[in-house]
């Protein structure tokens, strides 16, 4: 029972950190990095190769610098994503829509310039 209490205490003290990772080129890269991060005591991490984002649930005593150092030891580079980039924030839909529209306008404009 003590282990369960300790486990739930660690979970409640964890915070979510998202890292932009550069240098990954395949699924093996993301699995390698995920394995490296998960070897850190107090860390639970997933790495998405398609977005090149590492999502890390870490104890409060583990710094972003510690995580970035582990990423570099695995052969990649990382920096923390800002709150503005986090799609799980309540403001995300309002921030995402203009970006998609802006990209669509650029795509249409560039596509018709040569014709």
N, C-alpha and C. Protein backbone atom coordinates (compact mmCIF):
# COMPACT_ATOMS: atom_id res chain seq x y z
N UNK A 1 0.82 -1.20 0.00
CA UNK A 1 0.00 0.00 0.00
C UNK A 1 0.86 1.25 0.00
N UNK A 2 2.01 1.20 0.67
CA UNK A 2 2.90 2.34 0.69
C UNK A 2 3.40 2.68 -0.70
N UNK A 3 3.71 1.64 -1.51
CA UNK A 3 4.18 1.89 -2.88
C UNK A 3 3.13 2.60 -3.71
N UNK A 4 1.86 2.22 -3.51
CA UNK A 4 0.77 2.86 -4.25
C UNK A 4 0.67 4.32 -3.86
N UNK A 5 0.77 4.61 -2.57
CA UNK A 5 0.69 5.99 -2.09
C UNK A 5 1.86 6.81 -2.63
N UNK A 6 3.05 6.23 -2.62
CA UNK A 6 4.22 6.94 -3.14
C UNK A 6 4.08 7.18 -4.63
N UNK A 7 3.58 6.17 -5.35
CA UNK A 7 3.40 6.31 -6.79
C UNK A 7 2.41 7.41 -7.12
N UNK A 8 1.30 7.47 -6.40
CA UNK A 8 0.31 8.49 -6.69
C UNK A 8 0.80 9.86 -6.25
N UNK A 9 1.66 9.92 -5.22
CA UNK A 9 2.24 11.20 -4.82
C UNK A 9 3.19 11.71 -5.89
N UNK A 10 4.01 10.81 -6.48
CA UNK A 10 4.92 11.21 -7.56
C UNK A 10 4.13 11.72 -8.76
N UNK A 11 3.03 11.05 -9.10
CA UNK A 11 2.22 11.45 -10.24
C UNK A 11 1.62 12.83 -10.02
N UNK A 12 1.15 13.10 -8.80
CA UNK A 12 0.52 14.39 -8.53
C UNK A 12 1.54 15.52 -8.54
N UNK A 13 2.82 15.19 -8.31
CA UNK A 13 3.86 16.22 -8.29
C UNK A 13 4.53 16.38 -9.66
N UNK A 14 4.15 15.57 -10.62
CA UNK A 14 4.77 15.65 -11.94
C UNK A 14 4.21 16.84 -12.70
N UNK A 15 5.01 17.34 -13.61
CA UNK A 15 4.55 18.41 -14.50
C UNK A 15 4.86 17.99 -15.93
N UNK A 16 4.10 18.51 -16.86
CA UNK A 16 4.28 18.15 -18.27
C UNK A 16 5.17 19.20 -18.94
N UNK A 17 6.17 18.70 -19.63
CA UNK A 17 7.11 19.55 -20.36
C UNK A 17 7.12 19.05 -21.79
N UNK A 18 7.05 19.98 -22.73
CA UNK A 18 7.11 19.60 -24.15
C UNK A 18 8.38 20.19 -24.73
N UNK A 19 9.12 19.36 -25.44
CA UNK A 19 10.38 19.78 -26.04
C UNK A 19 10.32 19.65 -27.55
N UNK A 20 10.80 20.68 -28.24
CA UNK A 20 11.00 20.60 -29.68
C UNK A 20 12.36 19.94 -29.89
N UNK A 21 12.37 18.85 -30.63
CA UNK A 21 13.61 18.09 -30.84
C UNK A 21 14.04 18.22 -32.29
N UNK A 22 15.32 18.48 -32.51
CA UNK A 22 15.86 18.52 -33.87
C UNK A 22 16.90 17.43 -34.01
N UNK A 23 17.06 16.96 -35.24
CA UNK A 23 18.07 15.95 -35.53
C UNK A 23 17.50 14.55 -35.70
N UNK A 24 16.22 14.36 -35.37
CA UNK A 24 15.61 13.04 -35.56
C UNK A 24 15.15 12.91 -37.01
N UNK A 25 15.35 11.71 -37.58
CA UNK A 25 14.92 11.52 -38.96
C UNK A 25 14.05 10.29 -39.19
N UNK A 26 13.86 9.47 -38.14
CA UNK A 26 13.08 8.25 -38.33
C UNK A 26 12.50 7.76 -37.01
N UNK A 27 11.70 6.73 -37.11
CA UNK A 27 11.08 6.15 -35.92
C UNK A 27 12.10 5.59 -34.95
N UNK A 28 13.19 5.05 -35.46
CA UNK A 28 14.24 4.53 -34.58
C UNK A 28 14.84 5.65 -33.73
N UNK A 29 14.97 6.83 -34.33
CA UNK A 29 15.49 7.99 -33.60
C UNK A 29 14.56 8.33 -32.43
N UNK A 30 13.27 8.38 -32.70
CA UNK A 30 12.32 8.75 -31.65
C UNK A 30 12.29 7.68 -30.55
N UNK A 31 12.39 6.41 -30.92
CA UNK A 31 12.42 5.34 -29.91
C UNK A 31 13.69 5.41 -29.07
N UNK A 32 14.81 5.72 -29.72
CA UNK A 32 16.08 5.84 -28.99
C UNK A 32 16.00 6.97 -27.97
N UNK A 33 15.46 8.11 -28.40
CA UNK A 33 15.36 9.25 -27.50
C UNK A 33 14.37 8.97 -26.37
N UNK A 34 13.25 8.37 -26.72
CA UNK A 34 12.24 8.01 -25.72
C UNK A 34 12.85 7.10 -24.65
N UNK A 35 13.62 6.12 -25.08
CA UNK A 35 14.29 5.21 -24.15
C UNK A 35 15.26 5.96 -23.24
N UNK A 36 16.03 6.86 -23.82
CA UNK A 36 17.00 7.65 -23.05
C UNK A 36 16.29 8.49 -21.99
N UNK A 37 15.22 9.17 -22.37
CA UNK A 37 14.50 10.01 -21.42
C UNK A 37 13.85 9.18 -20.32
N UNK A 38 13.29 8.03 -20.68
CA UNK A 38 12.60 7.19 -19.70
C UNK A 38 13.54 6.52 -18.71
N UNK A 39 14.84 6.54 -18.98
CA UNK A 39 15.82 6.01 -18.04
C UNK A 39 16.05 6.96 -16.87
N UNK A 40 15.61 8.20 -17.00
CA UNK A 40 15.76 9.18 -15.92
C UNK A 40 14.70 8.88 -14.87
N UNK A 41 15.13 8.71 -13.63
CA UNK A 41 14.20 8.44 -12.54
C UNK A 41 13.23 9.61 -12.38
N UNK A 42 11.94 9.31 -12.38
CA UNK A 42 10.93 10.35 -12.23
C UNK A 42 10.43 10.93 -13.54
N UNK A 43 10.80 10.28 -14.66
CA UNK A 43 10.40 10.78 -15.98
C UNK A 43 9.59 9.71 -16.71
N UNK A 44 8.53 10.15 -17.36
CA UNK A 44 7.77 9.32 -18.28
C UNK A 44 7.64 10.14 -19.56
N UNK A 45 8.21 9.62 -20.65
CA UNK A 45 8.29 10.40 -21.88
C UNK A 45 7.79 9.64 -23.09
N UNK A 46 7.22 10.39 -24.04
CA UNK A 46 6.89 9.87 -25.36
C UNK A 46 7.47 10.84 -26.37
N UNK A 47 7.90 10.31 -27.50
CA UNK A 47 8.49 11.15 -28.55
C UNK A 47 7.74 10.86 -29.84
N UNK A 48 7.23 11.91 -30.46
CA UNK A 48 6.48 11.78 -31.71
C UNK A 48 7.36 12.23 -32.87
N UNK A 49 7.74 11.28 -33.71
CA UNK A 49 8.62 11.61 -34.84
C UNK A 49 7.95 12.54 -35.83
N UNK A 50 6.63 12.42 -36.01
CA UNK A 50 5.95 13.25 -37.01
C UNK A 50 5.93 14.73 -36.62
N UNK A 51 5.84 15.03 -35.33
CA UNK A 51 5.84 16.43 -34.89
C UNK A 51 7.20 16.85 -34.34
N UNK A 52 8.07 15.85 -34.10
CA UNK A 52 9.38 16.09 -33.50
C UNK A 52 9.25 16.76 -32.12
N UNK A 53 8.25 16.27 -31.36
CA UNK A 53 8.00 16.79 -30.02
C UNK A 53 8.13 15.66 -29.01
N UNK A 54 8.90 15.92 -27.96
CA UNK A 54 8.98 15.00 -26.83
C UNK A 54 8.04 15.54 -25.76
N UNK A 55 7.13 14.71 -25.30
CA UNK A 55 6.22 15.08 -24.23
C UNK A 55 6.69 14.34 -22.99
N UNK A 56 7.06 15.10 -21.96
CA UNK A 56 7.68 14.52 -20.78
C UNK A 56 6.88 14.88 -19.54
N UNK A 57 6.51 13.87 -18.77
CA UNK A 57 5.95 14.07 -17.45
C UNK A 57 7.09 13.84 -16.48
N UNK A 58 7.48 14.88 -15.75
CA UNK A 58 8.66 14.81 -14.90
C UNK A 58 8.37 15.37 -13.52
N UNK A 59 9.07 14.82 -12.54
CA UNK A 59 8.99 15.38 -11.19
C UNK A 59 9.45 16.83 -11.24
N UNK A 60 9.00 17.61 -10.25
CA UNK A 60 9.34 19.03 -10.21
C UNK A 60 10.83 19.29 -9.98
N UNK A 61 11.55 18.32 -9.45
CA UNK A 61 12.98 18.53 -9.20
C UNK A 61 13.83 18.25 -10.44
N UNK A 62 13.22 17.84 -11.53
CA UNK A 62 13.94 17.59 -12.79
C UNK A 62 13.76 18.82 -13.67
N UNK A 63 14.88 19.44 -14.03
CA UNK A 63 14.81 20.68 -14.80
C UNK A 63 14.73 20.42 -16.30
N UNK A 64 14.29 21.44 -17.02
CA UNK A 64 14.27 21.38 -18.48
C UNK A 64 15.70 21.20 -18.99
N UNK A 65 16.65 21.85 -18.32
CA UNK A 65 18.06 21.71 -18.71
C UNK A 65 18.52 20.26 -18.59
N UNK A 66 18.06 19.56 -17.53
CA UNK A 66 18.41 18.15 -17.37
C UNK A 66 17.88 17.33 -18.54
N UNK A 67 16.64 17.62 -18.93
CA UNK A 67 16.03 16.89 -20.04
C UNK A 67 16.74 17.19 -21.36
N UNK A 68 17.05 18.46 -21.59
CA UNK A 68 17.75 18.84 -22.82
C UNK A 68 19.14 18.20 -22.88
N UNK A 69 19.79 18.09 -21.73
CA UNK A 69 21.10 17.44 -21.67
C UNK A 69 20.98 15.96 -22.05
N UNK A 70 19.94 15.30 -21.56
CA UNK A 70 19.73 13.89 -21.91
C UNK A 70 19.47 13.74 -23.41
N UNK A 71 18.73 14.68 -23.98
CA UNK A 71 18.47 14.66 -25.42
C UNK A 71 19.79 14.81 -26.19
N UNK A 72 20.64 15.72 -25.74
CA UNK A 72 21.93 15.93 -26.41
C UNK A 72 22.82 14.70 -26.27
N UNK A 73 22.77 14.03 -25.11
CA UNK A 73 23.56 12.81 -24.93
C UNK A 73 23.10 11.71 -25.89
N UNK A 74 21.83 11.77 -26.28
CA UNK A 74 21.30 10.79 -27.24
C UNK A 74 21.64 11.17 -28.68
N UNK A 75 22.21 12.36 -28.88
CA UNK A 75 22.64 12.77 -30.22
C UNK A 75 21.71 13.75 -30.92
N UNK A 76 20.80 14.38 -30.18
CA UNK A 76 19.84 15.31 -30.78
C UNK A 76 19.91 16.63 -30.02
N UNK A 77 19.11 17.58 -30.44
CA UNK A 77 19.03 18.87 -29.74
C UNK A 77 17.58 19.13 -29.36
N UNK A 78 17.39 19.86 -28.26
CA UNK A 78 16.02 20.14 -27.82
C UNK A 78 15.95 21.49 -27.13
N UNK A 79 14.76 22.07 -27.21
CA UNK A 79 14.46 23.26 -26.42
C UNK A 79 12.99 23.19 -26.04
N UNK A 80 12.68 23.81 -24.91
CA UNK A 80 11.31 23.75 -24.41
C UNK A 80 10.37 24.52 -25.33
N UNK A 81 9.20 23.92 -25.59
CA UNK A 81 8.16 24.62 -26.34
C UNK A 81 7.55 25.67 -25.43
N UNK A 82 7.17 26.80 -26.00
CA UNK A 82 6.54 27.85 -25.21
C UNK A 82 5.06 27.53 -25.02
N UNK A 83 4.42 28.19 -24.08
CA UNK A 83 2.99 27.97 -23.82
C UNK A 83 2.18 28.29 -25.06
N UNK A 84 2.59 29.30 -25.83
CA UNK A 84 1.87 29.68 -27.04
C UNK A 84 1.83 28.55 -28.06
N UNK A 85 2.86 27.69 -28.05
CA UNK A 85 2.92 26.59 -29.01
C UNK A 85 2.13 25.38 -28.54
N UNK A 86 1.74 25.35 -27.28
CA UNK A 86 1.08 24.18 -26.69
C UNK A 86 -0.37 24.11 -27.12
N UNK A 87 -0.74 23.09 -27.90
CA UNK A 87 -2.10 22.96 -28.41
C UNK A 87 -3.08 22.52 -27.34
N UNK A 88 -2.59 22.12 -26.16
CA UNK A 88 -3.50 21.70 -25.11
C UNK A 88 -3.98 22.88 -24.28
N UNK A 89 -3.49 24.09 -24.57
CA UNK A 89 -3.94 25.25 -23.83
C UNK A 89 -5.34 25.65 -24.29
N UNK A 90 -6.11 26.30 -23.42
CA UNK A 90 -7.48 26.68 -23.79
C UNK A 90 -7.54 27.63 -24.98
N UNK A 91 -6.49 28.41 -25.21
CA UNK A 91 -6.49 29.39 -26.29
C UNK A 91 -6.03 28.79 -27.63
N UNK A 92 -5.66 27.52 -27.65
CA UNK A 92 -5.07 26.92 -28.84
C UNK A 92 -5.91 27.06 -30.10
N UNK A 93 -7.23 26.78 -30.11
CA UNK A 93 -7.97 26.89 -31.36
C UNK A 93 -7.92 28.29 -31.95
N UNK A 94 -8.00 29.31 -31.14
CA UNK A 94 -7.95 30.67 -31.65
C UNK A 94 -6.58 30.98 -32.25
N UNK A 95 -5.51 30.42 -31.66
CA UNK A 95 -4.17 30.67 -32.16
C UNK A 95 -3.86 29.80 -33.37
N UNK A 96 -4.44 28.62 -33.45
CA UNK A 96 -4.14 27.70 -34.54
C UNK A 96 -4.81 28.11 -35.83
N UNK A 97 -6.07 28.54 -35.80
CA UNK A 97 -6.82 28.86 -37.00
C UNK A 97 -6.15 29.90 -37.88
N UNK A 98 -5.74 31.06 -37.35
CA UNK A 98 -5.08 32.03 -38.23
C UNK A 98 -3.81 31.47 -38.86
N UNK A 99 -3.09 30.66 -38.14
CA UNK A 99 -1.86 30.09 -38.68
C UNK A 99 -2.17 29.19 -39.88
N UNK A 100 -3.20 28.38 -39.77
CA UNK A 100 -3.59 27.51 -40.87
C UNK A 100 -4.06 28.34 -42.05
N UNK A 101 -4.86 29.36 -41.81
CA UNK A 101 -5.33 30.24 -42.88
C UNK A 101 -4.16 30.95 -43.54
N UNK A 102 -3.23 31.44 -42.73
CA UNK A 102 -2.07 32.13 -43.27
C UNK A 102 -1.26 31.20 -44.16
N UNK A 103 -1.07 29.96 -43.70
CA UNK A 103 -0.32 29.00 -44.52
C UNK A 103 -1.05 28.69 -45.82
N UNK A 104 -2.37 28.57 -45.76
CA UNK A 104 -3.15 28.29 -46.97
C UNK A 104 -3.04 29.44 -47.96
N UNK A 105 -3.11 30.66 -47.48
CA UNK A 105 -2.99 31.83 -48.36
C UNK A 105 -1.61 31.85 -49.00
N UNK A 106 -0.58 31.57 -48.22
CA UNK A 106 0.78 31.55 -48.78
C UNK A 106 0.90 30.46 -49.84
N UNK A 107 0.32 29.28 -49.57
CA UNK A 107 0.40 28.17 -50.50
C UNK A 107 -0.29 28.53 -51.81
N UNK A 108 -1.48 29.13 -51.74
CA UNK A 108 -2.22 29.52 -52.94
C UNK A 108 -1.47 30.60 -53.69
N UNK A 109 -0.95 31.59 -52.96
CA UNK A 109 -0.23 32.69 -53.59
C UNK A 109 1.03 32.20 -54.30
N UNK A 110 1.81 31.39 -53.64
CA UNK A 110 3.05 30.87 -54.24
C UNK A 110 2.72 29.95 -55.41
N UNK A 111 1.65 29.16 -55.29
CA UNK A 111 1.26 28.23 -56.35
C UNK A 111 0.83 28.93 -57.62
N UNK A 112 0.29 30.14 -57.53
CA UNK A 112 -0.19 30.86 -58.71
C UNK A 112 0.79 31.89 -59.26
N UNK A 113 1.88 32.09 -58.57
CA UNK A 113 2.83 33.10 -59.04
C UNK A 113 3.54 32.67 -60.32
N UNK A 114 3.78 31.38 -60.48
CA UNK A 114 4.53 30.93 -61.65
C UNK A 114 3.66 30.78 -62.90
N UNK A 115 2.32 30.74 -62.72
CA UNK A 115 1.44 30.42 -63.83
C UNK A 115 0.93 31.58 -64.53
